[in-house]
Structure formats: structure tokens, C-alpha cells
Amino acid sequence: IHVNEVTSSSAIQIGETGRVDMISRMKYLKQESEIVSDSTLAKSLKV
């Protein structure tokens, strides 16, 4: 078995399992600073 990653409420089970309950909730926030968003570099990258 080769696994790179097991994350965010998950499991690798080898054998028998009676019951599996799993939940994962994620809130991702991305916040730009006005200093960075008004920079010349940021303006040149805007689409």
C-alpha cells in the first residue's frame, strides 16, 4: 500500500469495520491588503 496523504477526517482501514462516521468542514478565507492590491505589480497581474 502506498499512500501520500490521509487528511481532513478520513481513514485507511485494513480489515473489517462496523460503522464509519466522518465529517470535515472547512472555511477558506483569502484577504488581500490594499497596500498590495494597489501596487504596480498587483495592477500588472490583474486580468
ModelCIF file with pLDDT and N, C-alpha, C, O atoms, coordinates in Angstrom:
data_MODEL
#
_entry.id   MODEL 
#
_entity.id                         1 
_entity.type                       polymer 
_entity.pdbx_number_of_molecules   1 
#
_entity_poly.entity_id                      1 
_entity_poly.type                           'polypeptide(L)' 
_entity_poly.nstd_linkage                   no 
_entity_poly.nstd_monomer                   no 
_entity_poly.pdbx_seq_one_letter_code       IHVNEVTSSSAIQIGETGRVDMISRMKYLKQESEIVSDSTLAKSLKV 
_entity_poly.pdbx_seq_one_letter_code_can   IHVNEVTSSSAIQIGETGRVDMISRMKYLKQESEIVSDSTLAKSLKV 
_entity_poly.pdbx_strand_id                 A 
#
loop_
_entity_poly_seq.entity_id 
_entity_poly_seq.num 
_entity_poly_seq.mon_id 
_entity_poly_seq.hetero 
1 1  ILE n 
1 2  HIS n 
1 3  VAL n 
1 4  ASN n 
1 5  GLU n 
1 6  VAL n 
1 7  THR n 
1 8  SER n 
1 9  SER n 
1 10 SER n 
1 11 ALA n 
1 12 ILE n 
1 13 GLN n 
1 14 ILE n 
1 15 GLY n 
1 16 GLU n 
1 17 THR n 
1 18 GLY n 
1 19 ARG n 
1 20 VAL n 
1 21 ASP n 
1 22 MET n 
1 23 ILE n 
1 24 SER n 
1 25 ARG n 
1 26 MET n 
1 27 LYS n 
1 28 TYR n 
1 29 LEU n 
1 30 LYS n 
1 31 GLN n 
1 32 GLU n 
1 33 SER n 
1 34 GLU n 
1 35 ILE n 
1 36 VAL n 
1 37 SER n 
1 38 ASP n 
1 39 SER n 
1 40 THR n 
1 41 LEU n 
1 42 ALA n 
1 43 LYS n 
1 44 SER n 
1 45 LEU n 
1 46 LYS n 
1 47 VAL n 
#
_struct_asym.id          A 
_struct_asym.entity_id   1 
#
loop_
_ma_qa_metric.id 
_ma_qa_metric.mode 
_ma_qa_metric.name 
_ma_qa_metric.software_group_id 
_ma_qa_metric.type 
1 global pLDDT . pLDDT 
2 local  pLDDT . pLDDT 
#
_ma_qa_metric_global.metric_id      1 
_ma_qa_metric_global.metric_value   74.72 
_ma_qa_metric_global.model_id       1 
_ma_qa_metric_global.ordinal_id     1 
#
loop_
_ma_qa_metric_local.label_asym_id 
_ma_qa_metric_local.label_comp_id 
_ma_qa_metric_local.label_seq_id 
_ma_qa_metric_local.metric_id 
_ma_qa_metric_local.metric_value 
_ma_qa_metric_local.model_id 
_ma_qa_metric_local.ordinal_id 
A ILE 1  2 88.00 1 1  
A HIS 2  2 90.00 1 2  
A VAL 3  2 89.00 1 3  
A ASN 4  2 90.00 1 4  
A GLU 5  2 88.00 1 5  
A VAL 6  2 87.00 1 6  
A THR 7  2 85.00 1 7  
A SER 8  2 84.00 1 8  
A SER 9  2 84.00 1 9  
A SER 10 2 85.00 1 10 
A ALA 11 2 85.00 1 11 
A ILE 12 2 85.00 1 12 
A GLN 13 2 84.00 1 13 
A ILE 14 2 83.00 1 14 
A GLY 15 2 79.00 1 15 
A GLU 16 2 79.00 1 16 
A THR 17 2 80.00 1 17 
A GLY 18 2 79.00 1 18 
A ARG 19 2 81.00 1 19 
A VAL 20 2 81.00 1 20 
A ASP 21 2 81.00 1 21 
A MET 22 2 83.00 1 22 
A ILE 23 2 82.00 1 23 
A SER 24 2 84.00 1 24 
A ARG 25 2 85.00 1 25 
A MET 26 2 83.00 1 26 
A LYS 27 2 84.00 1 27 
A TYR 28 2 81.00 1 28 
A LEU 29 2 80.00 1 29 
A LYS 30 2 80.00 1 30 
A GLN 31 2 75.00 1 31 
A GLU 32 2 72.00 1 32 
A SER 33 2 67.00 1 33 
A GLU 34 2 65.00 1 34 
A ILE 35 2 60.00 1 35 
A VAL 36 2 59.00 1 36 
A SER 37 2 58.00 1 37 
A ASP 38 2 60.00 1 38 
A SER 39 2 60.00 1 39 
A THR 40 2 61.00 1 40 
A LEU 41 2 54.00 1 41 
A ALA 42 2 55.00 1 42 
A LYS 43 2 56.00 1 43 
A SER 44 2 53.00 1 44 
A LEU 45 2 51.00 1 45 
A LYS 46 2 51.00 1 46 
A VAL 47 2 46.00 1 47 
#
loop_
_atom_site.group_PDB 
_atom_site.id 
_atom_site.type_symbol 
_atom_site.label_atom_id 
_atom_site.label_alt_id 
_atom_site.label_comp_id 
_atom_site.label_asym_id 
_atom_site.label_entity_id 
_atom_site.label_seq_id 
_atom_site.pdbx_PDB_ins_code 
_atom_site.Cartn_x 
_atom_site.Cartn_y 
_atom_site.Cartn_z 
_atom_site.occupancy 
_atom_site.B_iso_or_equiv 
_atom_site.pdbx_formal_charge 
_atom_site.auth_seq_id 
_atom_site.auth_comp_id 
_atom_site.auth_asym_id 
_atom_site.auth_atom_id 
_atom_site.pdbx_PDB_model_num 
ATOM 1   N N  . ILE A 1 1  ? 0.873   -1.172 0.000   1.00 88.00 ? 1  ILE A N  1 
ATOM 2   C CA . ILE A 1 1  ? 0.000   0.000  0.000   1.00 88.00 ? 1  ILE A CA 1 
ATOM 3   C C  . ILE A 1 1  ? 0.908   1.219  0.000   1.00 88.00 ? 1  ILE A C  1 
ATOM 4   O O  . ILE A 1 1  ? 1.841   1.301  0.799   1.00 88.00 ? 1  ILE A O  1 
ATOM 5   N N  . HIS A 1 2  ? 0.642   2.159  -0.883  1.00 90.00 ? 2  HIS A N  1 
ATOM 6   C CA . HIS A 1 2  ? 1.407   3.406  -0.947  1.00 90.00 ? 2  HIS A CA 1 
ATOM 7   C C  . HIS A 1 2  ? 0.407   4.559  -0.877  1.00 90.00 ? 2  HIS A C  1 
ATOM 8   O O  . HIS A 1 2  ? -0.440  4.699  -1.760  1.00 90.00 ? 2  HIS A O  1 
ATOM 9   N N  . VAL A 1 3  ? 0.500   5.379  0.162   1.00 89.00 ? 3  VAL A N  1 
ATOM 10  C CA . VAL A 1 3  ? -0.419  6.493  0.366   1.00 89.00 ? 3  VAL A CA 1 
ATOM 11  C C  . VAL A 1 3  ? 0.403   7.752  0.570   1.00 89.00 ? 3  VAL A C  1 
ATOM 12  O O  . VAL A 1 3  ? 1.322   7.770  1.389   1.00 89.00 ? 3  VAL A O  1 
ATOM 13  N N  . ASN A 1 4  ? 0.080   8.796  -0.164  1.00 90.00 ? 4  ASN A N  1 
ATOM 14  C CA . ASN A 1 4  ? 0.780   10.065 0.033   1.00 90.00 ? 4  ASN A CA 1 
ATOM 15  C C  . ASN A 1 4  ? 0.244   10.830 1.231   1.00 90.00 ? 4  ASN A C  1 
ATOM 16  O O  . ASN A 1 4  ? 1.020   11.359 2.027   1.00 90.00 ? 4  ASN A O  1 
ATOM 17  N N  . GLU A 1 5  ? -1.097  10.895 1.371   1.00 88.00 ? 5  GLU A N  1 
ATOM 18  C CA . GLU A 1 5  ? -1.639  11.686 2.472   1.00 88.00 ? 5  GLU A CA 1 
ATOM 19  C C  . GLU A 1 5  ? -3.035  11.223 2.843   1.00 88.00 ? 5  GLU A C  1 
ATOM 20  O O  . GLU A 1 5  ? -3.847  10.892 1.979   1.00 88.00 ? 5  GLU A O  1 
ATOM 21  N N  . VAL A 1 6  ? -3.303  11.204 4.143   1.00 87.00 ? 6  VAL A N  1 
ATOM 22  C CA . VAL A 1 6  ? -4.625  10.936 4.695   1.00 87.00 ? 6  VAL A CA 1 
ATOM 23  C C  . VAL A 1 6  ? -4.939  12.140 5.562   1.00 87.00 ? 6  VAL A C  1 
ATOM 24  O O  . VAL A 1 6  ? -4.276  12.361 6.575   1.00 87.00 ? 6  VAL A O  1 
ATOM 25  N N  . THR A 1 7  ? -5.938  12.923 5.179   1.00 85.00 ? 7  THR A N  1 
ATOM 26  C CA . THR A 1 7  ? -6.187  14.168 5.891   1.00 85.00 ? 7  THR A CA 1 
ATOM 27  C C  . THR A 1 7  ? -7.654  14.545 5.882   1.00 85.00 ? 7  THR A C  1 
ATOM 28  O O  . THR A 1 7  ? -8.446  14.001 5.113   1.00 85.00 ? 7  THR A O  1 
ATOM 29  N N  . SER A 1 8  ? -8.001  15.473 6.736   1.00 84.00 ? 8  SER A N  1 
ATOM 30  C CA . SER A 1 8  ? -9.340  16.055 6.833   1.00 84.00 ? 8  SER A CA 1 
ATOM 31  C C  . SER A 1 8  ? -10.426 15.016 7.059   1.00 84.00 ? 8  SER A C  1 
ATOM 32  O O  . SER A 1 8  ? -11.300 14.813 6.216   1.00 84.00 ? 8  SER A O  1 
ATOM 33  N N  . SER A 1 9  ? -10.358 14.377 8.185   1.00 84.00 ? 9  SER A N  1 
ATOM 34  C CA . SER A 1 9  ? -11.384 13.439 8.622   1.00 84.00 ? 9  SER A CA 1 
ATOM 35  C C  . SER A 1 9  ? -11.568 12.279 7.659   1.00 84.00 ? 9  SER A C  1 
ATOM 36  O O  . SER A 1 9  ? -12.664 12.056 7.145   1.00 84.00 ? 9  SER A O  1 
ATOM 37  N N  . SER A 1 10 ? -10.505 11.549 7.420   1.00 85.00 ? 10 SER A N  1 
ATOM 38  C CA . SER A 1 10 ? -10.555 10.382 6.543   1.00 85.00 ? 10 SER A CA 1 
ATOM 39  C C  . SER A 1 10 ? -9.773  9.239  7.182   1.00 85.00 ? 10 SER A C  1 
ATOM 40  O O  . SER A 1 10 ? -9.057  9.434  8.164   1.00 85.00 ? 10 SER A O  1 
ATOM 41  N N  . ALA A 1 11 ? -9.919  8.055  6.616   1.00 85.00 ? 11 ALA A N  1 
ATOM 42  C CA . ALA A 1 11 ? -9.270  6.900  7.227   1.00 85.00 ? 11 ALA A CA 1 
ATOM 43  C C  . ALA A 1 11 ? -8.827  5.899  6.175   1.00 85.00 ? 11 ALA A C  1 
ATOM 44  O O  . ALA A 1 11 ? -9.429  5.781  5.108   1.00 85.00 ? 11 ALA A O  1 
ATOM 45  N N  . ILE A 1 12 ? -7.769  5.187  6.500   1.00 85.00 ? 12 ILE A N  1 
ATOM 46  C CA . ILE A 1 12 ? -7.383  3.999  5.753   1.00 85.00 ? 12 ILE A CA 1 
ATOM 47  C C  . ILE A 1 12 ? -7.654  2.842  6.702   1.00 85.00 ? 12 ILE A C  1 
ATOM 48  O O  . ILE A 1 12 ? -7.073  2.771  7.784   1.00 85.00 ? 12 ILE A O  1 
ATOM 49  N N  . GLN A 1 13 ? -8.520  1.955  6.304   1.00 84.00 ? 13 GLN A N  1 
ATOM 50  C CA . GLN A 1 13 ? -8.896  0.821  7.134   1.00 84.00 ? 13 GLN A CA 1 
ATOM 51  C C  . GLN A 1 13 ? -8.489  -0.454 6.427   1.00 84.00 ? 13 GLN A C  1 
ATOM 52  O O  . GLN A 1 13 ? -8.921  -0.710 5.303   1.00 84.00 ? 13 GLN A O  1 
ATOM 53  N N  . ILE A 1 14 ? -7.673  -1.242 7.065   1.00 83.00 ? 14 ILE A N  1 
ATOM 54  C CA . ILE A 1 14 ? -7.279  -2.545 6.541   1.00 83.00 ? 14 ILE A CA 1 
ATOM 55  C C  . ILE A 1 14 ? -7.910  -3.569 7.471   1.00 83.00 ? 14 ILE A C  1 
ATOM 56  O O  . ILE A 1 14 ? -7.443  -3.760 8.594   1.00 83.00 ? 14 ILE A O  1 
ATOM 57  N N  . GLY A 1 15 ? -8.930  -4.206 7.030   1.00 79.00 ? 15 GLY A N  1 
ATOM 58  C CA . GLY A 1 15 ? -9.677  -5.129 7.865   1.00 79.00 ? 15 GLY A CA 1 
ATOM 59  C C  . GLY A 1 15 ? -11.142 -4.735 7.888   1.00 79.00 ? 15 GLY A C  1 
ATOM 60  O O  . GLY A 1 15 ? -11.593 -3.947 7.057   1.00 79.00 ? 15 GLY A O  1 
ATOM 61  N N  . GLU A 1 16 ? -11.882 -5.284 8.838   1.00 79.00 ? 16 GLU A N  1 
ATOM 62  C CA . GLU A 1 16 ? -13.320 -5.043 8.920   1.00 79.00 ? 16 GLU A CA 1 
ATOM 63  C C  . GLU A 1 16 ? -13.628 -3.838 9.792   1.00 79.00 ? 16 GLU A C  1 
ATOM 64  O O  . GLU A 1 16 ? -12.910 -3.549 10.749  1.00 79.00 ? 16 GLU A O  1 
ATOM 65  N N  . THR A 1 17 ? -14.703 -3.141 9.453   1.00 80.00 ? 17 THR A N  1 
ATOM 66  C CA . THR A 1 17 ? -15.182 -2.010 10.230  1.00 80.00 ? 17 THR A CA 1 
ATOM 67  C C  . THR A 1 17 ? -16.680 -2.138 10.384  1.00 80.00 ? 17 THR A C  1 
ATOM 68  O O  . THR A 1 17 ? -17.389 -2.436 9.422   1.00 80.00 ? 17 THR A O  1 
ATOM 69  N N  . GLY A 1 18 ? -17.161 -1.915 11.591  1.00 79.00 ? 18 GLY A N  1 
ATOM 70  C CA . GLY A 1 18 ? -18.594 -1.970 11.821  1.00 79.00 ? 18 GLY A CA 1 
ATOM 71  C C  . GLY A 1 18 ? -19.299 -0.740 11.298  1.00 79.00 ? 18 GLY A C  1 
ATOM 72  O O  . GLY A 1 18 ? -20.238 -0.857 10.510  1.00 79.00 ? 18 GLY A O  1 
ATOM 73  N N  . ARG A 1 19 ? -18.868 0.438  11.718  1.00 81.00 ? 19 ARG A N  1 
ATOM 74  C CA . ARG A 1 19 ? -19.516 1.684  11.310  1.00 81.00 ? 19 ARG A CA 1 
ATOM 75  C C  . ARG A 1 19 ? -18.454 2.770  11.190  1.00 81.00 ? 19 ARG A C  1 
ATOM 76  O O  . ARG A 1 19 ? -17.529 2.843  11.998  1.00 81.00 ? 19 ARG A O  1 
ATOM 77  N N  . VAL A 1 20 ? -18.601 3.610  10.171  1.00 81.00 ? 20 VAL A N  1 
ATOM 78  C CA . VAL A 1 20 ? -17.678 4.721  9.951   1.00 81.00 ? 20 VAL A CA 1 
ATOM 79  C C  . VAL A 1 20 ? -18.492 6.003  9.829   1.00 81.00 ? 20 VAL A C  1 
ATOM 80  O O  . VAL A 1 20 ? -19.359 6.108  8.961   1.00 81.00 ? 20 VAL A O  1 
ATOM 81  N N  . ASP A 1 21 ? -18.218 6.979  10.693  1.00 81.00 ? 21 ASP A N  1 
ATOM 82  C CA . ASP A 1 21 ? -18.848 8.302  10.635  1.00 81.00 ? 21 ASP A CA 1 
ATOM 83  C C  . ASP A 1 21 ? -17.733 9.323  10.496  1.00 81.00 ? 21 ASP A C  1 
ATOM 84  O O  . ASP A 1 21 ? -16.841 9.382  11.342  1.00 81.00 ? 21 ASP A O  1 
ATOM 85  N N  . MET A 1 22 ? -17.770 10.126 9.446   1.00 83.00 ? 22 MET A N  1 
ATOM 86  C CA . MET A 1 22 ? -16.723 11.114 9.232   1.00 83.00 ? 22 MET A CA 1 
ATOM 87  C C  . MET A 1 22 ? -17.334 12.399 8.705   1.00 83.00 ? 22 MET A C  1 
ATOM 88  O O  . MET A 1 22 ? -18.289 12.375 7.929   1.00 83.00 ? 22 MET A O  1 
ATOM 89  N N  . ILE A 1 23 ? -16.780 13.507 9.130   1.00 82.00 ? 23 ILE A N  1 
ATOM 90  C CA . ILE A 1 23 ? -17.241 14.801 8.632   1.00 82.00 ? 23 ILE A CA 1 
ATOM 91  C C  . ILE A 1 23 ? -16.047 15.746 8.625   1.00 82.00 ? 23 ILE A C  1 
ATOM 92  O O  . ILE A 1 23 ? -15.209 15.704 9.526   1.00 82.00 ? 23 ILE A O  1 
ATOM 93  N N  . SER A 1 24 ? -15.972 16.583 7.625   1.00 84.00 ? 24 SER A N  1 
ATOM 94  C CA . SER A 1 24 ? -14.909 17.582 7.539   1.00 84.00 ? 24 SER A CA 1 
ATOM 95  C C  . SER A 1 24 ? -15.532 18.864 7.016   1.00 84.00 ? 24 SER A C  1 
ATOM 96  O O  . SER A 1 24 ? -16.190 18.859 5.976   1.00 84.00 ? 24 SER A O  1 
ATOM 97  N N  . ARG A 1 25 ? -15.333 19.944 7.721   1.00 85.00 ? 25 ARG A N  1 
ATOM 98  C CA . ARG A 1 25 ? -15.861 21.242 7.292   1.00 85.00 ? 25 ARG A CA 1 
ATOM 99  C C  . ARG A 1 25 ? -14.704 22.223 7.267   1.00 85.00 ? 25 ARG A C  1 
ATOM 100 O O  . ARG A 1 25 ? -13.910 22.278 8.207   1.00 85.00 ? 25 ARG A O  1 
ATOM 101 N N  . MET A 1 26 ? -14.607 22.989 6.210   1.00 83.00 ? 26 MET A N  1 
ATOM 102 C CA . MET A 1 26 ? -13.501 23.921 6.078   1.00 83.00 ? 26 MET A CA 1 
ATOM 103 C C  . MET A 1 26 ? -14.015 25.260 5.559   1.00 83.00 ? 26 MET A C  1 
ATOM 104 O O  . MET A 1 26 ? -14.839 25.309 4.646   1.00 83.00 ? 26 MET A O  1 
ATOM 105 N N  . LYS A 1 27 ? -13.529 26.321 6.139   1.00 84.00 ? 27 LYS A N  1 
ATOM 106 C CA . LYS A 1 27 ? -13.812 27.671 5.658   1.00 84.00 ? 27 LYS A CA 1 
ATOM 107 C C  . LYS A 1 27 ? -12.482 28.278 5.275   1.00 84.00 ? 27 LYS A C  1 
ATOM 108 O O  . LYS A 1 27 ? -11.583 28.404 6.106   1.00 84.00 ? 27 LYS A O  1 
ATOM 109 N N  . TYR A 1 28 ? -12.358 28.657 4.006   1.00 81.00 ? 28 TYR A N  1 
ATOM 110 C CA . TYR A 1 28 ? -11.108 29.204 3.488   1.00 81.00 ? 28 TYR A CA 1 
ATOM 111 C C  . TYR A 1 28 ? -11.317 30.683 3.192   1.00 81.00 ? 28 TYR A C  1 
ATOM 112 O O  . TYR A 1 28 ? -12.233 31.044 2.455   1.00 81.00 ? 28 TYR A O  1 
ATOM 113 N N  . LEU A 1 29 ? -10.485 31.528 3.754   1.00 80.00 ? 29 LEU A N  1 
ATOM 114 C CA . LEU A 1 29 ? -10.577 32.971 3.549   1.00 80.00 ? 29 LEU A CA 1 
ATOM 115 C C  . LEU A 1 29 ? -9.298  33.466 2.887   1.00 80.00 ? 29 LEU A C  1 
ATOM 116 O O  . LEU A 1 29 ? -8.193  33.115 3.300   1.00 80.00 ? 29 LEU A O  1 
ATOM 117 N N  . LYS A 1 30 ? -9.462  34.275 1.869   1.00 80.00 ? 30 LYS A N  1 
ATOM 118 C CA . LYS A 1 30 ? -8.308  34.898 1.227   1.00 80.00 ? 30 LYS A CA 1 
ATOM 119 C C  . LYS A 1 30 ? -8.519  36.398 1.310   1.00 80.00 ? 30 LYS A C  1 
ATOM 120 O O  . LYS A 1 30 ? -9.537  36.917 0.853   1.00 80.00 ? 30 LYS A O  1 
ATOM 121 N N  . GLN A 1 31 ? -7.567  37.083 1.886   1.00 75.00 ? 31 GLN A N  1 
ATOM 122 C CA . GLN A 1 31 ? -7.707  38.507 2.128   1.00 75.00 ? 31 GLN A CA 1 
ATOM 123 C C  . GLN A 1 31 ? -6.472  39.234 1.614   1.00 75.00 ? 31 GLN A C  1 
ATOM 124 O O  . GLN A 1 31 ? -5.347  38.965 2.034   1.00 75.00 ? 31 GLN A O  1 
ATOM 125 N N  . GLU A 1 32 ? -6.715  40.169 0.686   1.00 72.00 ? 32 GLU A N  1 
ATOM 126 C CA . GLU A 1 32 ? -5.609  40.974 0.154   1.00 72.00 ? 32 GLU A CA 1 
ATOM 127 C C  . GLU A 1 32 ? -5.552  42.301 0.872   1.00 72.00 ? 32 GLU A C  1 
ATOM 128 O O  . GLU A 1 32 ? -6.582  42.879 1.218   1.00 72.00 ? 32 GLU A O  1 
ATOM 129 N N  . SER A 1 33 ? -4.382  42.766 1.087   1.00 67.00 ? 33 SER A N  1 
ATOM 130 C CA . SER A 1 33 ? -4.181  44.080 1.678   1.00 67.00 ? 33 SER A CA 1 
ATOM 131 C C  . SER A 1 33 ? -4.305  45.139 0.599   1.00 67.00 ? 33 SER A C  1 
ATOM 132 O O  . SER A 1 33 ? -3.927  44.908 -0.549  1.00 67.00 ? 33 SER A O  1 
ATOM 133 N N  . GLU A 1 34 ? -4.834  46.302 0.964   1.00 65.00 ? 34 GLU A N  1 
ATOM 134 C CA . GLU A 1 34 ? -4.935  47.399 -0.008  1.00 65.00 ? 34 GLU A CA 1 
ATOM 135 C C  . GLU A 1 34 ? -3.558  47.831 -0.475  1.00 65.00 ? 34 GLU A C  1 
ATOM 136 O O  . GLU A 1 34 ? -3.389  48.247 -1.621  1.00 65.00 ? 34 GLU A O  1 
ATOM 137 N N  . ILE A 1 35 ? -2.578  47.736 0.401   1.00 60.00 ? 35 ILE A N  1 
ATOM 138 C CA . ILE A 1 35 ? -1.212  48.123 0.039   1.00 60.00 ? 35 ILE A CA 1 
ATOM 139 C C  . ILE A 1 35 ? -0.719  47.246 -1.108  1.00 60.00 ? 35 ILE A C  1 
ATOM 140 O O  . ILE A 1 35 ? -0.115  47.741 -2.060  1.00 60.00 ? 35 ILE A O  1 
ATOM 141 N N  . VAL A 1 36 ? -0.975  45.950 -1.016  1.00 59.00 ? 36 VAL A N  1 
ATOM 142 C CA . VAL A 1 36 ? -0.515  45.023 -2.040  1.00 59.00 ? 36 VAL A CA 1 
ATOM 143 C C  . VAL A 1 36 ? -1.391  45.118 -3.275  1.00 59.00 ? 36 VAL A C  1 
ATOM 144 O O  . VAL A 1 36 ? -0.868  45.124 -4.390  1.00 59.00 ? 36 VAL A O  1 
ATOM 145 N N  . SER A 1 37 ? -2.726  45.193 -3.115  1.00 58.00 ? 37 SER A N  1 
ATOM 146 C CA . SER A 1 37 ? -3.624  45.201 -4.274  1.00 58.00 ? 37 SER A CA 1 
ATOM 147 C C  . SER A 1 37 ? -3.495  46.482 -5.087  1.00 58.00 ? 37 SER A C  1 
ATOM 148 O O  . SER A 1 37 ? -3.803  46.475 -6.278  1.00 58.00 ? 37 SER A O  1 
ATOM 149 N N  . ASP A 1 38 ? -3.049  47.583 -4.481  1.00 60.00 ? 38 ASP A N  1 
ATOM 150 C CA . ASP A 1 38 ? -2.860  48.829 -5.217  1.00 60.00 ? 38 ASP A CA 1 
ATOM 151 C C  . ASP A 1 38 ? -1.448  48.988 -5.769  1.00 60.00 ? 38 ASP A C  1 
ATOM 152 O O  . ASP A 1 38 ? -1.144  50.008 -6.387  1.00 60.00 ? 38 ASP A O  1 
ATOM 153 N N  . SER A 1 39 ? -0.590  48.010 -5.560  1.00 60.00 ? 39 SER A N  1 
ATOM 154 C CA . SER A 1 39 ? 0.786   48.130 -6.026  1.00 60.00 ? 39 SER A CA 1 
ATOM 155 C C  . SER A 1 39 ? 0.864   47.981 -7.543  1.00 60.00 ? 39 SER A C  1 
ATOM 156 O O  . SER A 1 39 ? -0.052  47.454 -8.174  1.00 60.00 ? 39 SER A O  1 
ATOM 157 N N  . THR A 1 40 ? 1.940   48.437 -8.104  1.00 61.00 ? 40 THR A N  1 
ATOM 158 C CA . THR A 1 40 ? 2.160   48.330 -9.539  1.00 61.00 ? 40 THR A CA 1 
ATOM 159 C C  . THR A 1 40 ? 2.191   46.883 -9.984  1.00 61.00 ? 40 THR A C  1 
ATOM 160 O O  . THR A 1 40 ? 1.655   46.544 -11.039 1.00 61.00 ? 40 THR A O  1 
ATOM 161 N N  . LEU A 1 41 ? 2.816   46.025 -9.190  1.00 54.00 ? 41 LEU A N  1 
ATOM 162 C CA . LEU A 1 41 ? 2.888   44.607 -9.516  1.00 54.00 ? 41 LEU A CA 1 
ATOM 163 C C  . LEU A 1 41 ? 1.492   43.993 -9.545  1.00 54.00 ? 41 LEU A C  1 
ATOM 164 O O  . LEU A 1 41 ? 1.163   43.260 -10.477 1.00 54.00 ? 41 LEU A O  1 
ATOM 165 N N  . ALA A 1 42 ? 0.666   44.282 -8.540  1.00 55.00 ? 42 ALA A N  1 
ATOM 166 C CA . ALA A 1 42 ? -0.690  43.733 -8.488  1.00 55.00 ? 42 ALA A CA 1 
ATOM 167 C C  . ALA A 1 42 ? -1.519  44.213 -9.678  1.00 55.00 ? 42 ALA A C  1 
ATOM 168 O O  . ALA A 1 42 ? -2.278  43.437 -10.261 1.00 55.00 ? 42 ALA A O  1 
ATOM 169 N N  . LYS A 1 43 ? -1.378  45.468 -10.033 1.00 56.00 ? 43 LYS A N  1 
ATOM 170 C CA . LYS A 1 43 ? -2.131  46.005 -11.177 1.00 56.00 ? 43 LYS A CA 1 
ATOM 171 C C  . LYS A 1 43 ? -1.693  45.352 -12.462 1.00 56.00 ? 43 LYS A C  1 
ATOM 172 O O  . LYS A 1 43 ? -2.520  45.123 -13.344 1.00 56.00 ? 43 LYS A O  1 
ATOM 173 N N  . SER A 1 44 ? -0.413  45.043 -12.599 1.00 53.00 ? 44 SER A N  1 
ATOM 174 C CA . SER A 1 44 ? 0.062   44.396 -13.826 1.00 53.00 ? 44 SER A CA 1 
ATOM 175 C C  . SER A 1 44 ? -0.396  42.943 -13.914 1.00 53.00 ? 44 SER A C  1 
ATOM 176 O O  . SER A 1 44 ? -0.454  42.379 -15.006 1.00 53.00 ? 44 SER A O  1 
ATOM 177 N N  . LEU A 1 45 ? -0.722  42.330 -12.770 1.00 51.00 ? 45 LEU A N  1 
ATOM 178 C CA . LEU A 1 45 ? -1.161  40.937 -12.765 1.00 51.00 ? 45 LEU A CA 1 
ATOM 179 C C  . LEU A 1 45 ? -2.671  40.781 -12.897 1.00 51.00 ? 45 LEU A C  1 
ATOM 180 O O  . LEU A 1 45 ? -3.147  39.670 -13.132 1.00 51.00 ? 45 LEU A O  1 
ATOM 181 N N  . LYS A 1 46 ? -3.446  41.869 -12.754 1.00 51.00 ? 46 LYS A N  1 
ATOM 182 C CA . LYS A 1 46 ? -4.900  41.790 -12.821 1.00 51.00 ? 46 LYS A CA 1 
ATOM 183 C C  . LYS A 1 46 ? -5.354  41.391 -14.212 1.00 51.00 ? 46 LYS A C  1 
ATOM 184 O O  . LYS A 1 46 ? -4.797  41.829 -15.219 1.00 51.00 ? 46 LYS A O  1 
ATOM 185 N N  . VAL A 1 47 ? -6.371  40.554 -14.245 1.00 46.00 ? 47 VAL A N  1 
ATOM 186 C CA . VAL A 1 47 ? -6.969  40.128 -15.532 1.00 46.00 ? 47 VAL A CA 1 
ATOM 187 C C  . VAL A 1 47 ? -8.248  40.930 -15.709 1.00 46.00 ? 47 VAL A C  1 
ATOM 188 O O  . VAL A 1 47 ? -8.946  40.767 -16.710 1.00 46.00 ? 47 VAL A O  1 
#
